[in-house]
Amino acid sequence: EKLRISEPSNAYDFGQIINAVNTNKDKAACADLLRITDPKKLPVLLSNKLEGEIFLIFIQSLEYYVVGKDPGLVYQHLFYLSKAQRFKVVLALLSKNEKEQVQQLFDLLSENRNNQYSLEDLQSLKKVYEL
């Protein structure tokens, strides 16, 4: 059954939705969640709950469902995701294969670039993601 996604009002709500999305590996629902969540709120909503699995489902959802339609939103989410607590820890624990998935998303951002971010912006964000 498709998860119904509504805008989370706090970190607890966001955590509940993320857990449901992650349990079902529902990338479409995760993409819906990221579409209605203000990227600037991501660090607060994630609080200290960022884990590798959650990071990867974000990356995959943005890649499969969002980057083709709204690359600017994807850039914003990647930017604010990098400000979340535990980001560096999660990054350090990614496997080679998982890092390649992140690289793929950045490649798509280069190809689908719009006026919301420059190539320079993208390059500096790639450095933050250690790519």
Protein backbone atom coordinates (compact mmCIF):
# COMPACT_ATOMS: atom_id res chain seq x y z
CA GLU A 1 0.00 0.00 0.00
CA LYS A 2 1.33 3.45 -0.91
CA LEU A 3 2.50 5.54 1.97
CA ARG A 4 0.63 8.80 2.38
CA ILE A 5 3.08 11.59 2.88
CA SER A 6 2.23 14.88 4.51
CA GLU A 7 4.60 17.66 5.45
CA PRO A 8 6.30 16.85 8.76
CA SER A 9 5.96 19.60 11.35
CA ASN A 10 8.86 18.50 13.57
CA ALA A 11 11.81 16.14 13.86
CA TYR A 12 9.68 13.44 15.49
CA ASP A 13 7.14 13.39 12.62
CA PHE A 14 9.93 13.45 10.08
CA GLY A 15 11.63 10.54 11.85
CA GLN A 16 8.41 8.50 11.83
CA ILE A 17 7.90 9.07 8.08
CA ILE A 18 11.55 8.32 7.31
CA ASN A 19 11.37 5.06 9.28
CA ALA A 20 8.25 3.98 7.38
CA VAL A 21 9.82 4.95 4.04
CA ASN A 22 13.02 3.10 4.93
CA THR A 23 11.26 -0.04 6.17
CA ASN A 24 9.36 -0.29 2.88
CA LYS A 25 12.32 0.93 0.80
CA ASP A 26 9.72 3.20 -0.79
CA LYS A 27 11.78 5.57 -2.93
CA ALA A 28 8.70 7.16 -4.53
CA ALA A 29 7.30 8.05 -1.09
CA CYS A 30 10.70 9.34 -0.03
CA ALA A 31 10.79 11.54 -3.14
CA ASP A 32 7.32 12.87 -2.22
CA LEU A 33 8.60 13.66 1.27
CA LEU A 34 11.64 15.50 -0.10
CA ARG A 35 9.46 17.44 -2.57
CA ILE A 36 7.29 18.85 0.20
CA THR A 37 10.06 19.40 2.75
CA ASP A 38 11.86 22.73 2.71
CA PRO A 39 15.54 21.80 2.17
CA LYS A 40 16.60 24.46 4.71
CA LYS A 41 14.72 22.54 7.41
CA LEU A 42 16.48 19.25 6.65
CA PRO A 43 19.28 19.54 9.27
CA VAL A 44 16.74 20.35 12.00
CA LEU A 45 14.25 17.67 10.91
CA LEU A 46 16.97 15.03 10.70
CA SER A 47 18.27 16.12 14.11
CA ASN A 48 20.97 13.54 15.01
CA LYS A 49 19.20 10.68 13.22
CA LEU A 50 21.07 10.64 9.91
CA GLU A 51 22.12 7.06 9.14
CA GLY A 52 23.72 5.46 6.10
CA GLU A 53 20.46 3.76 5.03
CA ILE A 54 18.53 7.01 5.22
CA PHE A 55 21.27 8.90 3.38
CA LEU A 56 21.19 6.34 0.56
CA ILE A 57 17.42 6.26 0.18
CA PHE A 58 17.53 10.09 -0.06
CA ILE A 59 20.20 9.89 -2.78
CA GLN A 60 18.32 7.18 -4.72
CA SER A 61 14.96 8.94 -4.43
CA LEU A 62 16.42 12.22 -5.64
CA GLU A 63 18.12 10.41 -8.51
CA TYR A 64 15.15 8.31 -9.65
CA TYR A 65 12.28 10.73 -9.10
CA VAL A 66 13.39 14.33 -8.68
CA VAL A 67 16.57 15.29 -10.55
CA GLY A 68 14.99 15.09 -14.03
CA LYS A 69 12.11 17.38 -13.01
CA ASP A 70 13.69 19.72 -10.48
CA PRO A 71 17.51 19.71 -10.34
CA GLY A 72 17.46 22.91 -8.29
CA LEU A 73 15.58 21.18 -5.50
CA VAL A 74 18.02 18.26 -5.60
CA TYR A 75 20.96 20.66 -5.31
CA GLN A 76 19.31 22.38 -2.33
CA HIS A 77 18.65 19.07 -0.58
CA LEU A 78 22.23 17.90 -1.12
CA PHE A 79 23.51 21.25 0.15
CA TYR A 80 21.45 21.16 3.37
CA LEU A 81 21.92 17.42 3.86
CA SER A 82 25.64 18.15 4.13
CA LYS A 83 24.87 20.47 7.08
CA ALA A 84 23.11 17.72 9.05
CA GLN A 85 24.60 16.24 12.20
CA ARG A 86 26.40 12.95 11.52
CA PHE A 87 26.88 13.81 7.81
CA LYS A 88 30.66 13.37 8.00
CA VAL A 89 30.25 10.08 9.89
CA VAL A 90 27.79 8.70 7.32
CA LEU A 91 30.04 9.84 4.48
CA ALA A 92 33.05 8.12 6.01
CA LEU A 93 31.14 4.82 6.22
CA LEU A 94 29.90 4.72 2.62
CA SER A 95 31.16 1.82 0.51
CA LYS A 96 32.78 2.37 -2.88
CA ASN A 97 29.52 1.34 -4.58
CA GLU A 98 27.48 3.75 -2.44
CA LYS A 99 29.89 6.61 -3.20
CA GLU A 100 29.41 5.85 -6.90
CA GLN A 101 25.64 6.32 -6.45
CA VAL A 102 26.29 9.77 -4.98
CA GLN A 103 28.67 10.56 -7.87
CA GLN A 104 25.95 9.49 -10.33
CA LEU A 105 23.50 11.96 -8.79
CA PHE A 106 26.09 14.75 -9.10
CA ASP A 107 26.66 13.77 -12.74
CA LEU A 108 22.92 14.08 -13.39
CA LEU A 109 22.95 17.49 -11.67
CA SER A 110 25.67 18.59 -14.10
CA GLU A 111 23.68 17.36 -17.10
CA ASN A 112 20.34 18.80 -15.95
CA ARG A 113 21.75 22.07 -14.68
CA ASN A 114 19.41 25.03 -14.40
CA ASN A 115 19.96 28.60 -13.25
CA GLN A 116 19.52 27.78 -9.55
CA TYR A 117 23.15 26.69 -9.16
CA SER A 118 26.37 27.15 -11.11
CA LEU A 119 28.99 24.59 -12.08
CA GLU A 120 31.22 26.21 -9.44
CA ASP A 121 28.52 25.65 -6.80
CA LEU A 122 28.30 22.04 -7.88
CA GLN A 123 32.08 21.58 -7.78
CA SER A 124 32.35 22.95 -4.26
CA LEU A 125 29.45 20.79 -3.07
CA LYS A 126 31.15 17.74 -4.62
CA LYS A 127 34.19 18.51 -2.48
CA VAL A 128 31.98 18.54 0.63
CA TYR A 129 30.78 15.06 -0.43
CA GLU A 130 34.45 14.08 -0.91
CA LEU A 131 33.95 13.22 -4.60
